[in-house]
Amino acid sequence: MSLTFYLLTAAVVLLLVTGLYSLLATKNLIRILISLEILMKAATLLIITVGYAANRVALAQVMAITLIIVEVVAVAVAMGIVVGIHRHNGTLDTRKLRNLKG
């Protein structure tokens, strides 16, 4: 294994830890979406790293592009839901949204 592989693996771990910590520490819906984005970027970088290690870079790039497209669609839908929640309740704090009925 080369130094590049270890650096990429360290970056993946750093992104995972950062994303998980920010996901668990925040109560704001926008910050939760940003945390999910960080976790998805870690998954994308992990796919590229594994493709590099297995000498299948082209396949890894195709899978990463597909993951990015799915990620963008999911975040767009989630952002629409967050905007609707903000219009309806006037807040993005999840602690104040726990008593919703419907």
C-alpha atoms as a PDB file:
ATOM      1  CA  MET A   1       0.000   0.000   0.000  1.00  0.00           C
ATOM      2  CA  SER A   2       1.188   3.473  -0.772  1.00  0.00           C
ATOM      3  CA  LEU A   3       1.187   6.688   1.186  1.00  0.00           C
ATOM      4  CA  THR A   4      -1.714   7.973  -0.903  1.00  0.00           C
ATOM      5  CA  PHE A   5      -3.928   5.115   0.274  1.00  0.00           C
ATOM      6  CA  TYR A   6      -3.175   5.839   3.917  1.00  0.00           C
ATOM      7  CA  LEU A   7      -3.783   9.555   3.489  1.00  0.00           C
ATOM      8  CA  LEU A   8      -7.119   8.896   1.790  1.00  0.00           C
ATOM      9  CA  THR A   9      -8.095   6.453   4.534  1.00  0.00           C
ATOM     10  CA  ALA A  10      -7.220   9.025   7.185  1.00  0.00           C
ATOM     11  CA  ALA A  11      -9.345  11.612   5.359  1.00  0.00           C
ATOM     12  CA  VAL A  12     -12.281   9.188   5.249  1.00  0.00           C
ATOM     13  CA  VAL A  13     -12.012   8.520   8.980  1.00  0.00           C
ATOM     14  CA  LEU A  14     -11.739  12.236   9.730  1.00  0.00           C
ATOM     15  CA  LEU A  15     -14.834  12.998   7.651  1.00  0.00           C
ATOM     16  CA  LEU A  16     -16.778  10.169   9.289  1.00  0.00           C
ATOM     17  CA  VAL A  17     -15.912  11.316  12.790  1.00  0.00           C
ATOM     18  CA  THR A  18     -16.715  14.938  11.962  1.00  0.00           C
ATOM     19  CA  GLY A  19     -20.032  14.032  10.339  1.00  0.00           C
ATOM     20  CA  LEU A  20     -21.129  11.722  13.144  1.00  0.00           C
ATOM     21  CA  TYR A  21     -20.194  14.193  15.865  1.00  0.00           C
ATOM     22  CA  SER A  22     -21.978  17.084  14.201  1.00  0.00           C
ATOM     23  CA  LEU A  23     -25.011  14.891  13.492  1.00  0.00           C
ATOM     24  CA  LEU A  24     -25.307  13.901  17.139  1.00  0.00           C
ATOM     25  CA  ALA A  25     -24.418  17.279  18.641  1.00  0.00           C
ATOM     26  CA  THR A  26     -26.795  19.593  16.790  1.00  0.00           C
ATOM     27  CA  LYS A  27     -30.529  20.175  17.030  1.00  0.00           C
ATOM     28  CA  ASN A  28     -30.865  22.407  13.953  1.00  0.00           C
ATOM     29  CA  LEU A  29     -32.341  20.736  10.863  1.00  0.00           C
ATOM     30  CA  ILE A  30     -30.074  22.622   8.437  1.00  0.00           C
ATOM     31  CA  ARG A  31     -26.989  21.542  10.363  1.00  0.00           C
ATOM     32  CA  ILE A  32     -28.287  17.974  10.379  1.00  0.00           C
ATOM     33  CA  LEU A  33     -28.512  18.091   6.572  1.00  0.00           C
ATOM     34  CA  ILE A  34     -24.973  19.454   6.384  1.00  0.00           C
ATOM     35  CA  SER A  35     -23.813  16.627   8.660  1.00  0.00           C
ATOM     36  CA  LEU A  36     -25.448  14.098   6.372  1.00  0.00           C
ATOM     37  CA  GLU A  37     -23.673  15.723   3.432  1.00  0.00           C
ATOM     38  CA  ILE A  38     -20.336  15.314   5.215  1.00  0.00           C
ATOM     39  CA  LEU A  39     -21.102  11.647   5.845  1.00  0.00           C
ATOM     40  CA  MET A  40     -22.018  11.142   2.192  1.00  0.00           C
ATOM     41  CA  LYS A  41     -18.775  12.790   1.102  1.00  0.00           C
ATOM     42  CA  ALA A  42     -16.922  10.362   3.358  1.00  0.00           C
ATOM     43  CA  ALA A  43     -18.725   7.463   1.670  1.00  0.00           C
ATOM     44  CA  THR A  44     -17.840   8.847  -1.759  1.00  0.00           C
ATOM     45  CA  LEU A  45     -14.189   9.222  -0.812  1.00  0.00           C
ATOM     46  CA  LEU A  46     -14.225   5.697   0.615  1.00  0.00           C
ATOM     47  CA  ILE A  47     -15.497   4.326  -2.701  1.00  0.00           C
ATOM     48  CA  ILE A  48     -12.746   6.152  -4.561  1.00  0.00           C
ATOM     49  CA  THR A  49     -10.126   4.927  -2.053  1.00  0.00           C
ATOM     50  CA  VAL A  50     -11.193   1.302  -2.371  1.00  0.00           C
ATOM     51  CA  GLY A  51     -11.225   1.607  -6.157  1.00  0.00           C
ATOM     52  CA  TYR A  52      -7.700   3.021  -6.037  1.00  0.00           C
ATOM     53  CA  ALA A  53      -6.509   0.190  -3.799  1.00  0.00           C
ATOM     54  CA  ALA A  54      -8.104  -2.489  -6.010  1.00  0.00           C
ATOM     55  CA  ASN A  55      -6.907  -0.931  -9.297  1.00  0.00           C
ATOM     56  CA  ARG A  56     -10.538  -0.426 -10.361  1.00  0.00           C
ATOM     57  CA  VAL A  57     -10.537   3.376 -10.491  1.00  0.00           C
ATOM     58  CA  ALA A  58     -12.949   3.635 -13.427  1.00  0.00           C
ATOM     59  CA  LEU A  59     -15.577   1.521 -11.676  1.00  0.00           C
ATOM     60  CA  ALA A  60     -15.122   3.507  -8.471  1.00  0.00           C
ATOM     61  CA  GLN A  61     -15.587   6.774 -10.356  1.00  0.00           C
ATOM     62  CA  VAL A  62     -18.828   5.540 -11.912  1.00  0.00           C
ATOM     63  CA  MET A  63     -20.133   4.458  -8.519  1.00  0.00           C
ATOM     64  CA  ALA A  64     -19.100   7.768  -6.956  1.00  0.00           C
ATOM     65  CA  ILE A  65     -20.869   9.785  -9.647  1.00  0.00           C
ATOM     66  CA  THR A  66     -24.011   7.716  -9.145  1.00  0.00           C
ATOM     67  CA  LEU A  67     -23.803   8.271  -5.394  1.00  0.00           C
ATOM     68  CA  ILE A  68     -23.404  12.022  -5.897  1.00  0.00           C
ATOM     69  CA  ILE A  69     -26.506  12.161  -8.109  1.00  0.00           C
ATOM     70  CA  VAL A  70     -28.587  10.246  -5.574  1.00  0.00           C
ATOM     71  CA  GLU A  71     -27.234  12.440  -2.797  1.00  0.00           C
ATOM     72  CA  VAL A  72     -28.190  15.665  -4.567  1.00  0.00           C
ATOM     73  CA  VAL A  73     -31.743  14.464  -5.163  1.00  0.00           C
ATOM     74  CA  ALA A  74     -32.142  13.319  -1.555  1.00  0.00           C
ATOM     75  CA  VAL A  75     -30.817  16.605  -0.158  1.00  0.00           C
ATOM     76  CA  ALA A  76     -33.074  18.630  -2.466  1.00  0.00           C
ATOM     77  CA  VAL A  77     -36.129  16.740  -1.233  1.00  0.00           C
ATOM     78  CA  ALA A  78     -34.998  17.000   2.395  1.00  0.00           C
ATOM     79  CA  MET A  79     -34.389  20.730   2.002  1.00  0.00           C
ATOM     80  CA  GLY A  80     -37.916  21.156   0.666  1.00  0.00           C
ATOM     81  CA  ILE A  81     -39.250  19.344   3.715  1.00  0.00           C
ATOM     82  CA  VAL A  82     -37.150  21.531   6.027  1.00  0.00           C
ATOM     83  CA  VAL A  83     -38.462  24.693   4.347  1.00  0.00           C
ATOM     84  CA  GLY A  84     -42.024  23.415   4.801  1.00  0.00           C
ATOM     85  CA  ILE A  85     -41.360  22.681   8.475  1.00  0.00           C
ATOM     86  CA  HIS A  86     -39.948  26.176   8.956  1.00  0.00           C
ATOM     87  CA  ARG A  87     -42.957  27.799   7.275  1.00  0.00           C
ATOM     88  CA  HIS A  88     -45.390  25.762   9.349  1.00  0.00           C
ATOM     89  CA  ASN A  89     -43.705  26.028  12.750  1.00  0.00           C
ATOM     90  CA  GLY A  90     -41.380  29.012  12.484  1.00  0.00           C
ATOM     91  CA  THR A  91     -38.431  27.076  13.904  1.00  0.00           C
ATOM     92  CA  LEU A  92     -35.837  24.526  12.859  1.00  0.00           C
ATOM     93  CA  ASP A  93     -35.056  23.289  16.369  1.00  0.00           C
ATOM     94  CA  THR A  94     -35.816  19.581  16.665  1.00  0.00           C
ATOM     95  CA  ARG A  95     -36.527  19.855  20.385  1.00  0.00           C
ATOM     96  CA  LYS A  96     -39.537  22.034  19.627  1.00  0.00           C
ATOM     97  CA  LEU A  97     -40.778  19.701  16.888  1.00  0.00           C
ATOM     98  CA  ARG A  98     -41.077  16.561  19.032  1.00  0.00           C
ATOM     99  CA  ASN A  99     -44.742  17.059  19.898  1.00  0.00           C
ATOM    100  CA  LEU A 100     -46.023  17.142  16.312  1.00  0.00           C
ATOM    101  CA  LYS A 101     -49.162  15.208  15.510  1.00  0.00           C
ATOM    102  CA  GLY A 102     -50.293  14.088  12.130  1.00  0.00           C
END
